[in-house]
């Protein structure tokens, strides 16, 4: 019986570690998304979160005037087309949503115990933290538009587990 118990336990541990490395989309797919976002809004190159006008453009809001769109297009690099600023930024918004949904799905798997949290933190902790911090204004605006307070809640839970606030202080990550 003891041998069977150990084999089952070891199989569970191995499965969690295996899913830690294989559950997330392949790196080339994510790299393509990251490059696309960088070309339009310098998502990874920046040190600060998205600005309000960038958030509105990524969400496809029509409240931006021509000068604001022109200013946003000046940040375009790589394959971005400054002729169709609205379309480029709207497409970047869809890709940002897909990107954040991938992280949310992975965090939900961590919370469900399918993926080993400590291994995942070692691999993706910095990427998840940085993505969330940069996209936070976009997430807040999206939650407001959709009137849905539970959007990206799994990311918040995981980040608060991985990077807890000092004792006596509120959680660092919230939306």
N, C-alpha and C. Protein backbone atom coordinates (compact mmCIF):
# COMPACT_ATOMS: atom_id res chain seq x y z
N UNK A 1 0.82 -1.20 0.00
CA UNK A 1 0.00 0.00 0.00
C UNK A 1 0.87 1.27 0.00
N UNK A 2 1.91 1.23 0.82
CA UNK A 2 2.79 2.40 0.90
C UNK A 2 3.42 2.70 -0.46
N UNK A 3 3.83 1.66 -1.16
CA UNK A 3 4.43 1.82 -2.47
C UNK A 3 3.44 2.43 -3.46
N UNK A 4 2.21 1.98 -3.44
CA UNK A 4 1.18 2.52 -4.33
C UNK A 4 0.93 3.99 -4.02
N UNK A 5 0.82 4.31 -2.73
CA UNK A 5 0.62 5.69 -2.32
C UNK A 5 1.75 6.58 -2.83
N UNK A 6 2.98 6.15 -2.68
CA UNK A 6 4.14 6.92 -3.14
C UNK A 6 4.13 7.10 -4.65
N UNK A 7 3.75 6.07 -5.38
CA UNK A 7 3.70 6.18 -6.84
C UNK A 7 2.62 7.17 -7.29
N UNK A 8 1.47 7.12 -6.65
CA UNK A 8 0.40 8.06 -6.99
C UNK A 8 0.82 9.49 -6.66
N UNK A 9 1.41 9.69 -5.48
CA UNK A 9 1.88 11.02 -5.09
C UNK A 9 2.94 11.53 -6.06
N UNK A 10 3.90 10.68 -6.41
CA UNK A 10 4.95 11.09 -7.34
C UNK A 10 4.37 11.42 -8.72
N UNK A 11 3.38 10.66 -9.16
CA UNK A 11 2.74 10.91 -10.45
C UNK A 11 2.04 12.27 -10.44
N UNK A 12 1.37 12.60 -9.33
CA UNK A 12 0.69 13.90 -9.21
C UNK A 12 1.71 15.03 -9.25
N UNK A 13 2.81 14.88 -8.54
CA UNK A 13 3.84 15.91 -8.53
C UNK A 13 4.43 16.08 -9.93
N UNK A 14 4.71 14.97 -10.59
CA UNK A 14 5.28 15.05 -11.94
C UNK A 14 4.29 15.72 -12.89
N UNK A 15 3.00 15.37 -12.80
CA UNK A 15 1.99 15.97 -13.67
C UNK A 15 1.90 17.48 -13.47
N UNK A 16 1.94 17.93 -12.22
CA UNK A 16 1.90 19.37 -11.96
C UNK A 16 3.11 20.08 -12.56
N UNK A 17 4.27 19.48 -12.41
CA UNK A 17 5.48 20.08 -12.99
C UNK A 17 5.42 20.06 -14.51
N UNK A 18 4.92 18.96 -15.07
CA UNK A 18 4.80 18.86 -16.52
C UNK A 18 3.86 19.95 -17.05
N UNK A 19 2.71 20.14 -16.41
CA UNK A 19 1.77 21.17 -16.85
C UNK A 19 2.34 22.57 -16.67
N UNK A 20 3.20 22.76 -15.69
CA UNK A 20 3.84 24.06 -15.49
C UNK A 20 4.57 24.50 -16.75
N UNK A 21 5.19 23.56 -17.41
CA UNK A 21 5.98 23.88 -18.60
C UNK A 21 5.21 23.78 -19.91
N UNK A 22 4.11 23.03 -19.93
CA UNK A 22 3.43 22.79 -21.20
C UNK A 22 2.07 23.45 -21.33
N UNK A 23 1.50 23.97 -20.25
CA UNK A 23 0.15 24.53 -20.28
C UNK A 23 0.12 25.88 -20.99
N UNK A 24 1.14 26.68 -20.80
CA UNK A 24 1.20 28.01 -21.39
C UNK A 24 1.46 27.88 -22.88
N UNK A 25 0.93 28.79 -23.71
CA UNK A 25 1.18 28.72 -25.16
C UNK A 25 2.67 28.75 -25.47
N UNK A 26 3.00 28.29 -26.66
CA UNK A 26 4.42 28.22 -26.99
C UNK A 26 5.04 29.63 -27.05
N UNK A 27 6.30 29.68 -26.78
CA UNK A 27 7.00 30.96 -26.67
C UNK A 27 7.01 31.77 -27.96
N UNK A 28 7.02 31.09 -29.10
CA UNK A 28 7.04 31.82 -30.38
C UNK A 28 5.73 32.57 -30.59
N UNK A 29 4.62 31.95 -30.21
CA UNK A 29 3.31 32.59 -30.33
C UNK A 29 3.25 33.83 -29.44
N UNK A 30 3.72 33.71 -28.21
CA UNK A 30 3.72 34.85 -27.30
C UNK A 30 4.68 35.93 -27.76
N UNK A 31 5.82 35.52 -28.28
CA UNK A 31 6.79 36.50 -28.76
C UNK A 31 6.21 37.33 -29.90
N UNK A 32 5.45 36.69 -30.79
CA UNK A 32 4.81 37.42 -31.88
C UNK A 32 3.84 38.47 -31.33
N UNK A 33 3.07 38.10 -30.32
CA UNK A 33 2.15 39.05 -29.69
C UNK A 33 2.92 40.20 -29.04
N UNK A 34 3.99 39.87 -28.34
CA UNK A 34 4.78 40.89 -27.66
C UNK A 34 5.41 41.87 -28.65
N UNK A 35 5.90 41.35 -29.76
CA UNK A 35 6.49 42.21 -30.79
C UNK A 35 5.42 43.11 -31.38
N UNK A 36 4.25 42.55 -31.68
CA UNK A 36 3.15 43.33 -32.23
C UNK A 36 2.77 44.48 -31.28
N UNK A 37 2.63 44.17 -30.00
CA UNK A 37 2.28 45.20 -29.01
C UNK A 37 3.40 46.23 -28.86
N UNK A 38 4.62 45.79 -28.91
CA UNK A 38 5.75 46.72 -28.81
C UNK A 38 5.79 47.67 -29.99
N UNK A 39 5.49 47.16 -31.18
CA UNK A 39 5.51 47.99 -32.39
C UNK A 39 4.44 49.09 -32.34
N UNK A 40 3.33 48.84 -31.64
CA UNK A 40 2.23 49.81 -31.61
C UNK A 40 2.24 50.72 -30.39
N UNK A 41 2.49 50.16 -29.20
CA UNK A 41 2.40 50.98 -27.98
C UNK A 41 3.63 50.83 -27.08
N UNK A 42 4.71 50.30 -27.61
CA UNK A 42 5.95 50.11 -26.84
C UNK A 42 5.66 49.45 -25.49
N UNK A 43 4.85 48.41 -25.53
CA UNK A 43 4.37 47.77 -24.29
C UNK A 43 5.51 47.27 -23.42
N UNK A 44 6.49 46.59 -24.00
CA UNK A 44 7.59 46.04 -23.21
C UNK A 44 8.73 47.03 -23.03
N UNK A 45 8.85 47.98 -23.92
CA UNK A 45 9.95 48.94 -23.86
C UNK A 45 9.72 49.99 -22.78
N UNK A 46 8.48 50.20 -22.41
CA UNK A 46 8.13 51.26 -21.46
C UNK A 46 8.39 50.84 -20.02
N UNK A 47 8.54 51.83 -19.15
CA UNK A 47 8.69 51.57 -17.73
C UNK A 47 7.40 51.87 -16.97
N UNK A 48 6.49 52.59 -17.59
CA UNK A 48 5.25 53.02 -16.94
C UNK A 48 4.05 52.29 -17.53
N UNK A 49 2.93 52.31 -16.83
CA UNK A 49 1.70 51.72 -17.37
C UNK A 49 1.22 52.47 -18.61
N UNK A 50 0.27 51.88 -19.30
CA UNK A 50 -0.33 52.52 -20.47
C UNK A 50 -0.96 53.85 -20.07
N UNK A 51 -0.89 54.83 -20.97
CA UNK A 51 -1.51 56.14 -20.73
C UNK A 51 -2.99 56.08 -21.10
N UNK A 52 -3.74 57.05 -20.62
CA UNK A 52 -5.18 57.06 -20.83
C UNK A 52 -5.57 57.06 -22.31
N UNK A 53 -4.90 57.89 -23.12
CA UNK A 53 -5.24 57.93 -24.55
C UNK A 53 -4.88 56.61 -25.24
N UNK A 54 -3.83 55.94 -24.79
CA UNK A 54 -3.48 54.63 -25.35
C UNK A 54 -4.55 53.60 -24.98
N UNK A 55 -5.02 53.66 -23.75
CA UNK A 55 -6.05 52.74 -23.29
C UNK A 55 -7.31 52.91 -24.13
N UNK A 56 -7.73 54.16 -24.33
CA UNK A 56 -8.93 54.42 -25.13
C UNK A 56 -8.76 53.91 -26.56
N UNK A 57 -7.58 54.13 -27.13
CA UNK A 57 -7.32 53.68 -28.50
C UNK A 57 -7.32 52.15 -28.58
N UNK A 58 -6.71 51.49 -27.60
CA UNK A 58 -6.67 50.03 -27.59
C UNK A 58 -8.06 49.42 -27.43
N UNK A 59 -8.94 50.14 -26.76
CA UNK A 59 -10.31 49.65 -26.57
C UNK A 59 -11.22 50.07 -27.72
N UNK A 60 -10.67 50.75 -28.73
CA UNK A 60 -11.45 51.12 -29.90
C UNK A 60 -12.42 52.26 -29.65
N UNK A 61 -12.15 53.08 -28.66
CA UNK A 61 -13.02 54.22 -28.36
C UNK A 61 -12.81 55.31 -29.40
N UNK A 62 -13.89 55.93 -29.83
CA UNK A 62 -13.82 56.96 -30.86
C UNK A 62 -13.61 58.36 -30.31
N UNK A 63 -13.33 58.47 -29.04
CA UNK A 63 -13.23 59.79 -28.42
C UNK A 63 -11.89 60.49 -28.69
N UNK A 64 -10.98 59.84 -29.39
CA UNK A 64 -9.68 60.46 -29.68
C UNK A 64 -9.77 61.32 -30.94
N UNK A 65 -9.18 62.50 -30.87
CA UNK A 65 -9.17 63.36 -32.06
C UNK A 65 -7.98 62.99 -32.95
N UNK A 66 -7.91 63.64 -34.10
CA UNK A 66 -6.86 63.33 -35.08
C UNK A 66 -5.46 63.60 -34.53
N UNK A 67 -5.29 64.67 -33.77
CA UNK A 67 -3.97 65.00 -33.22
C UNK A 67 -3.52 63.93 -32.23
N UNK A 68 -4.44 63.45 -31.39
CA UNK A 68 -4.10 62.40 -30.43
C UNK A 68 -3.71 61.11 -31.15
N UNK A 69 -4.44 60.78 -32.20
CA UNK A 69 -4.10 59.59 -32.99
C UNK A 69 -2.74 59.76 -33.67
N UNK A 70 -2.48 60.95 -34.17
CA UNK A 70 -1.19 61.23 -34.80
C UNK A 70 -0.06 61.09 -33.78
N UNK A 71 -0.27 61.60 -32.57
CA UNK A 71 0.74 61.46 -31.51
C UNK A 71 0.99 60.00 -31.17
N UNK A 72 -0.07 59.21 -31.11
CA UNK A 72 0.07 57.78 -30.82
C UNK A 72 0.82 57.06 -31.94
N UNK A 73 0.60 57.47 -33.18
CA UNK A 73 1.25 56.80 -34.31
C UNK A 73 2.75 57.06 -34.34
N UNK A 74 3.20 58.13 -33.69
CA UNK A 74 4.64 58.43 -33.66
C UNK A 74 5.43 57.36 -32.91
N UNK A 75 4.74 56.62 -32.05
CA UNK A 75 5.41 55.55 -31.30
C UNK A 75 5.51 54.26 -32.11
N UNK A 76 4.83 54.22 -33.26
CA UNK A 76 4.84 53.01 -34.08
C UNK A 76 6.24 52.69 -34.58
N UNK A 77 6.60 51.43 -34.55
CA UNK A 77 7.87 50.97 -35.11
C UNK A 77 7.60 49.66 -35.85
N UNK A 78 8.62 49.09 -36.41
CA UNK A 78 8.50 47.77 -37.03
C UNK A 78 7.47 47.75 -38.15
N UNK A 79 6.54 46.81 -38.06
CA UNK A 79 5.58 46.57 -39.14
C UNK A 79 4.31 47.42 -39.00
N UNK A 80 4.22 48.26 -38.00
CA UNK A 80 3.01 49.07 -37.78
C UNK A 80 2.83 50.07 -38.92
N UNK A 81 1.58 50.24 -39.33
CA UNK A 81 1.24 51.16 -40.41
C UNK A 81 0.63 52.43 -39.82
N UNK A 82 1.33 53.54 -39.94
CA UNK A 82 0.81 54.78 -39.36
C UNK A 82 -0.35 55.36 -40.16
N UNK A 83 -0.63 54.82 -41.35
CA UNK A 83 -1.76 55.30 -42.16
C UNK A 83 -3.09 54.93 -41.51
N UNK A 84 -3.17 53.75 -40.92
CA UNK A 84 -4.41 53.26 -40.33
C UNK A 84 -4.25 53.17 -38.81
N UNK A 85 -4.03 54.29 -38.17
CA UNK A 85 -3.72 54.32 -36.75
C UNK A 85 -4.82 53.66 -35.93
N UNK A 86 -6.06 54.04 -36.18
CA UNK A 86 -7.18 53.48 -35.41
C UNK A 86 -7.23 51.96 -35.54
N UNK A 87 -7.12 51.47 -36.76
CA UNK A 87 -7.19 50.02 -37.00
C UNK A 87 -6.02 49.30 -36.34
N UNK A 88 -4.83 49.88 -36.46
CA UNK A 88 -3.65 49.27 -35.86
C UNK A 88 -3.79 49.17 -34.34
N UNK A 89 -4.27 50.24 -33.73
CA UNK A 89 -4.40 50.26 -32.27
C UNK A 89 -5.55 49.37 -31.80
N UNK A 90 -6.60 49.31 -32.56
CA UNK A 90 -7.72 48.43 -32.22
C UNK A 90 -7.27 46.97 -32.29
N UNK A 91 -6.50 46.65 -33.33
CA UNK A 91 -5.96 45.29 -33.45
C UNK A 91 -4.99 44.99 -32.30
N UNK A 92 -4.19 45.98 -31.93
CA UNK A 92 -3.29 45.81 -30.78
C UNK A 92 -4.09 45.57 -29.51
N UNK A 93 -5.23 46.22 -29.38
CA UNK A 93 -6.11 46.00 -28.24
C UNK A 93 -6.64 44.58 -28.18
N UNK A 94 -7.02 44.04 -29.33
CA UNK A 94 -7.48 42.65 -29.39
C UNK A 94 -6.34 41.69 -29.02
N UNK A 95 -5.16 41.99 -29.49
CA UNK A 95 -4.02 41.12 -29.16
C UNK A 95 -3.63 41.25 -27.68
N UNK A 96 -3.75 42.43 -27.11
CA UNK A 96 -3.49 42.60 -25.68
C UNK A 96 -4.51 41.80 -24.88
N UNK A 97 -5.76 41.83 -25.31
CA UNK A 97 -6.80 41.06 -24.63
C UNK A 97 -6.49 39.57 -24.70
N UNK A 98 -6.09 39.08 -25.86
CA UNK A 98 -5.72 37.68 -26.00
C UNK A 98 -4.54 37.33 -25.10
N UNK A 99 -3.54 38.20 -25.09
CA UNK A 99 -2.34 37.99 -24.28
C UNK A 99 -2.70 37.91 -22.80
N UNK A 100 -3.49 38.88 -22.32
CA UNK A 100 -3.88 38.88 -20.91
C UNK A 100 -4.80 37.71 -20.58
N UNK A 101 -5.62 37.29 -21.53
CA UNK A 101 -6.47 36.12 -21.31
C UNK A 101 -5.64 34.85 -21.17
N UNK A 102 -4.54 34.76 -21.91
CA UNK A 102 -3.65 33.61 -21.78
C UNK A 102 -3.03 33.56 -20.38
N UNK A 103 -2.62 34.71 -19.89
CA UNK A 103 -2.06 34.77 -18.54
C UNK A 103 -3.14 34.44 -17.51
N UNK A 104 -4.34 34.95 -17.71
CA UNK A 104 -5.45 34.68 -16.79
C UNK A 104 -5.77 33.18 -16.75
N UNK A 105 -5.78 32.54 -17.91
CA UNK A 105 -6.05 31.11 -17.98
C UNK A 105 -4.97 30.31 -17.23
N UNK A 106 -3.74 30.70 -17.40
CA UNK A 106 -2.63 30.03 -16.72
C UNK A 106 -2.75 30.22 -15.21
N UNK A 107 -3.09 31.44 -14.79
CA UNK A 107 -3.25 31.72 -13.35
C UNK A 107 -4.43 30.95 -12.77
N UNK A 108 -5.49 30.77 -13.55
CA UNK A 108 -6.63 29.97 -13.08
C UNK A 108 -6.20 28.52 -12.87
N UNK A 109 -5.34 28.02 -13.74
CA UNK A 109 -4.82 26.66 -13.58
C UNK A 109 -3.93 26.56 -12.34
N UNK A 110 -3.19 27.59 -12.04
CA UNK A 110 -2.38 27.61 -10.82
C UNK A 110 -3.30 27.57 -9.61
N UNK A 111 -4.33 28.42 -9.61
CA UNK A 111 -5.27 28.47 -8.49
C UNK A 111 -6.02 27.16 -8.30
N UNK A 112 -6.26 26.43 -9.39
CA UNK A 112 -6.97 25.15 -9.32
C UNK A 112 -6.04 24.01 -8.88
N UNK A 113 -4.74 24.29 -8.80
CA UNK A 113 -3.79 23.27 -8.37
C UNK A 113 -3.31 22.37 -9.50
N UNK A 114 -3.60 22.72 -10.73
CA UNK A 114 -3.17 21.92 -11.89
C UNK A 114 -1.70 22.15 -12.18
N UNK A 115 -1.23 23.36 -11.88
CA UNK A 115 0.14 23.76 -12.16
C UNK A 115 0.84 24.06 -10.84
N UNK A 116 2.11 23.70 -10.75
CA UNK A 116 2.90 23.96 -9.55
C UNK A 116 3.21 25.45 -9.46
N UNK A 117 2.70 26.07 -8.40
CA UNK A 117 2.81 27.51 -8.24
C UNK A 117 4.26 28.00 -8.11
N UNK A 118 5.05 27.30 -7.32
CA UNK A 118 6.43 27.74 -7.10
C UNK A 118 7.26 27.68 -8.39
N UNK A 119 7.10 26.61 -9.14
CA UNK A 119 7.83 26.50 -10.41
C UNK A 119 7.36 27.56 -11.39
N UNK A 120 6.05 27.77 -11.43
CA UNK A 120 5.49 28.79 -12.32
C UNK A 120 6.02 30.18 -11.95
N UNK A 121 6.13 30.44 -10.66
CA UNK A 121 6.64 31.74 -10.22
C UNK A 121 8.08 31.93 -10.70
N UNK A 122 8.89 30.89 -10.61
CA UNK A 122 10.28 30.99 -11.04
C UNK A 122 10.37 31.26 -12.55
N UNK A 123 9.45 30.69 -13.31
CA UNK A 123 9.50 30.83 -14.76
C UNK A 123 8.84 32.12 -15.23
N UNK A 124 7.64 32.42 -14.72
CA UNK A 124 6.81 33.49 -15.27
C UNK A 124 6.54 34.65 -14.32
N UNK A 125 7.03 34.59 -13.09
CA UNK A 125 6.70 35.62 -12.11
C UNK A 125 6.94 37.04 -12.60
N UNK A 126 8.10 37.29 -13.13
CA UNK A 126 8.45 38.64 -13.59
C UNK A 126 7.57 39.05 -14.77
N UNK A 127 7.38 38.16 -15.72
CA UNK A 127 6.58 38.47 -16.92
C UNK A 127 5.14 38.80 -16.53
N UNK A 128 4.53 37.99 -15.65
CA UNK A 128 3.15 38.22 -15.25
C UNK A 128 3.03 39.54 -14.49
N UNK A 129 3.94 39.77 -13.58
CA UNK A 129 3.91 40.99 -12.77
C UNK A 129 4.04 42.23 -13.67
N UNK A 130 4.99 42.18 -14.54
CA UNK A 130 5.24 43.33 -15.41
C UNK A 130 4.08 43.57 -16.39
N UNK A 131 3.54 42.49 -16.95
CA UNK A 131 2.41 42.61 -17.87
C UNK A 131 1.21 43.23 -17.16
N UNK A 132 0.93 42.75 -15.96
CA UNK A 132 -0.23 43.26 -15.21
C UNK A 132 -0.04 44.74 -14.88
N UNK A 133 1.12 45.10 -14.41
CA UNK A 133 1.36 46.49 -14.02
C UNK A 133 1.24 47.44 -15.21
N UNK A 134 1.74 47.04 -16.36
CA UNK A 134 1.66 47.89 -17.54
C UNK A 134 0.25 47.97 -18.10
N UNK A 135 -0.50 46.87 -18.02
CA UNK A 135 -1.84 46.81 -18.58
C UNK A 135 -2.92 47.25 -17.59
N UNK A 136 -2.57 47.55 -16.36
CA UNK A 136 -3.57 47.86 -15.34
C UNK A 136 -4.57 48.94 -15.75
N UNK A 137 -4.15 50.08 -16.31
CA UNK A 137 -5.16 51.08 -16.72
C UNK A 137 -6.13 50.52 -17.77
N UNK A 138 -5.63 49.70 -18.67
CA UNK A 138 -6.47 49.06 -19.68
C UNK A 138 -7.46 48.10 -19.02
N UNK A 139 -6.99 47.32 -18.04
CA UNK A 139 -7.85 46.37 -17.33
C UNK A 139 -8.96 47.11 -16.58
N UNK A 140 -8.60 48.18 -15.89
CA UNK A 140 -9.59 48.96 -15.14
C UNK A 140 -10.65 49.53 -16.07
N UNK A 141 -10.23 50.08 -17.20
CA UNK A 141 -11.17 50.65 -18.17
C UNK A 141 -12.05 49.56 -18.79
N UNK A 142 -11.47 48.42 -19.10
CA UNK A 142 -12.23 47.31 -19.67
C UNK A 142 -13.28 46.81 -18.67
N UNK A 143 -12.89 46.70 -17.40
CA UNK A 143 -13.84 46.29 -16.36
C UNK A 143 -15.01 47.28 -16.27
N UNK A 144 -14.69 48.55 -16.39
CA UNK A 144 -15.72 49.58 -16.33
C UNK A 144 -16.67 49.49 -17.52
N UNK A 145 -16.12 49.32 -18.71
CA UNK A 145 -16.94 49.24 -19.92
C UNK A 145 -17.83 48.00 -19.89
N UNK A 146 -17.26 46.88 -19.49
CA UNK A 146 -18.00 45.62 -19.47
C UNK A 146 -18.86 45.47 -18.21
N UNK A 147 -18.65 46.35 -17.23
CA UNK A 147 -19.34 46.27 -15.95
C UNK A 147 -19.18 44.88 -15.33
N UNK A 148 -17.94 44.42 -15.35
CA UNK A 148 -17.61 43.07 -14.88
C UNK A 148 -16.40 43.15 -13.96
N UNK A 149 -16.64 43.06 -12.67
CA UNK A 149 -15.58 43.21 -11.69
C UNK A 149 -14.64 42.03 -11.58
N UNK A 150 -15.01 40.89 -12.15
CA UNK A 150 -14.18 39.69 -11.98
C UNK A 150 -13.18 39.46 -13.11
N UNK A 151 -13.09 40.40 -14.04
CA UNK A 151 -12.11 40.24 -15.13
C UNK A 151 -10.70 40.25 -14.57
N UNK A 152 -9.92 39.29 -14.96
CA UNK A 152 -8.51 39.15 -14.61
C UNK A 152 -8.28 39.01 -13.10
N UNK A 153 -9.25 38.45 -12.41
CA UNK A 153 -9.15 38.26 -10.96
C UNK A 153 -8.13 37.18 -10.60
N UNK A 154 -7.97 36.18 -11.46
CA UNK A 154 -7.02 35.10 -11.17
C UNK A 154 -5.58 35.61 -11.20
N UNK A 155 -5.30 36.55 -12.10
CA UNK A 155 -3.96 37.15 -12.14
C UNK A 155 -3.69 37.87 -10.82
N UNK A 156 -4.68 38.61 -10.34
CA UNK A 156 -4.53 39.35 -9.08
C UNK A 156 -4.27 38.38 -7.93
N UNK A 157 -5.02 37.29 -7.87
CA UNK A 157 -4.84 36.31 -6.79
C UNK A 157 -3.43 35.72 -6.81
N UNK A 158 -2.98 35.33 -7.99
CA UNK A 158 -1.65 34.71 -8.12
C UNK A 158 -0.57 35.72 -7.77
N UNK A 159 -0.66 36.93 -8.28
CA UNK A 159 0.36 37.94 -7.97
C UNK A 159 0.41 38.25 -6.49
N UNK A 160 -0.74 38.30 -5.84
CA UNK A 160 -0.76 38.55 -4.39
C UNK A 160 -0.19 37.37 -3.61
N UNK A 161 -0.34 36.15 -4.14
CA UNK A 161 0.30 34.98 -3.51
C UNK A 161 1.81 35.01 -3.70
N UNK A 162 2.23 35.35 -4.91
CA UNK A 162 3.65 35.34 -5.25
C UNK A 162 4.40 36.52 -4.64
N UNK A 163 3.77 37.68 -4.60
CA UNK A 163 4.41 38.90 -4.13
C UNK A 163 3.55 39.53 -3.04
N UNK A 164 3.51 38.92 -1.87
CA UNK A 164 2.62 39.41 -0.81
C UNK A 164 3.05 40.77 -0.26
N UNK A 165 2.06 41.51 0.22
CA UNK A 165 2.34 42.80 0.86
C UNK A 165 2.96 42.54 2.23
N UNK A 166 3.75 43.48 2.73
CA UNK A 166 4.29 43.33 4.08
C UNK A 166 3.14 43.20 5.10
N UNK A 167 3.42 42.55 6.20
CA UNK A 167 2.41 42.35 7.24
C UNK A 167 1.78 43.67 7.65
N UNK A 168 0.46 43.60 7.81
CA UNK A 168 -0.27 44.78 8.24
C UNK A 168 -0.68 45.71 7.11
N UNK A 169 -0.26 45.41 5.88
CA UNK A 169 -0.62 46.25 4.73
C UNK A 169 -1.59 45.50 3.82
N UNK A 170 -2.36 46.25 3.04
CA UNK A 170 -3.28 45.64 2.10
C UNK A 170 -2.52 45.01 0.93
N UNK A 171 -3.19 44.12 0.22
CA UNK A 171 -2.58 43.50 -0.96
C UNK A 171 -2.10 44.57 -1.94
N UNK A 172 -0.98 44.29 -2.55
CA UNK A 172 -0.40 45.23 -3.51
C UNK A 172 -1.20 45.24 -4.81
N UNK A 173 -1.63 44.06 -5.24
CA UNK A 173 -2.28 43.94 -6.55
C UNK A 173 -3.79 43.90 -6.40
N UNK A 174 -4.43 44.82 -7.07
CA UNK A 174 -5.89 44.87 -7.14
C UNK A 174 -6.27 45.68 -8.36
N UNK A 175 -7.53 45.56 -8.72
CA UNK A 175 -8.00 46.33 -9.89
C UNK A 175 -9.21 47.14 -9.52
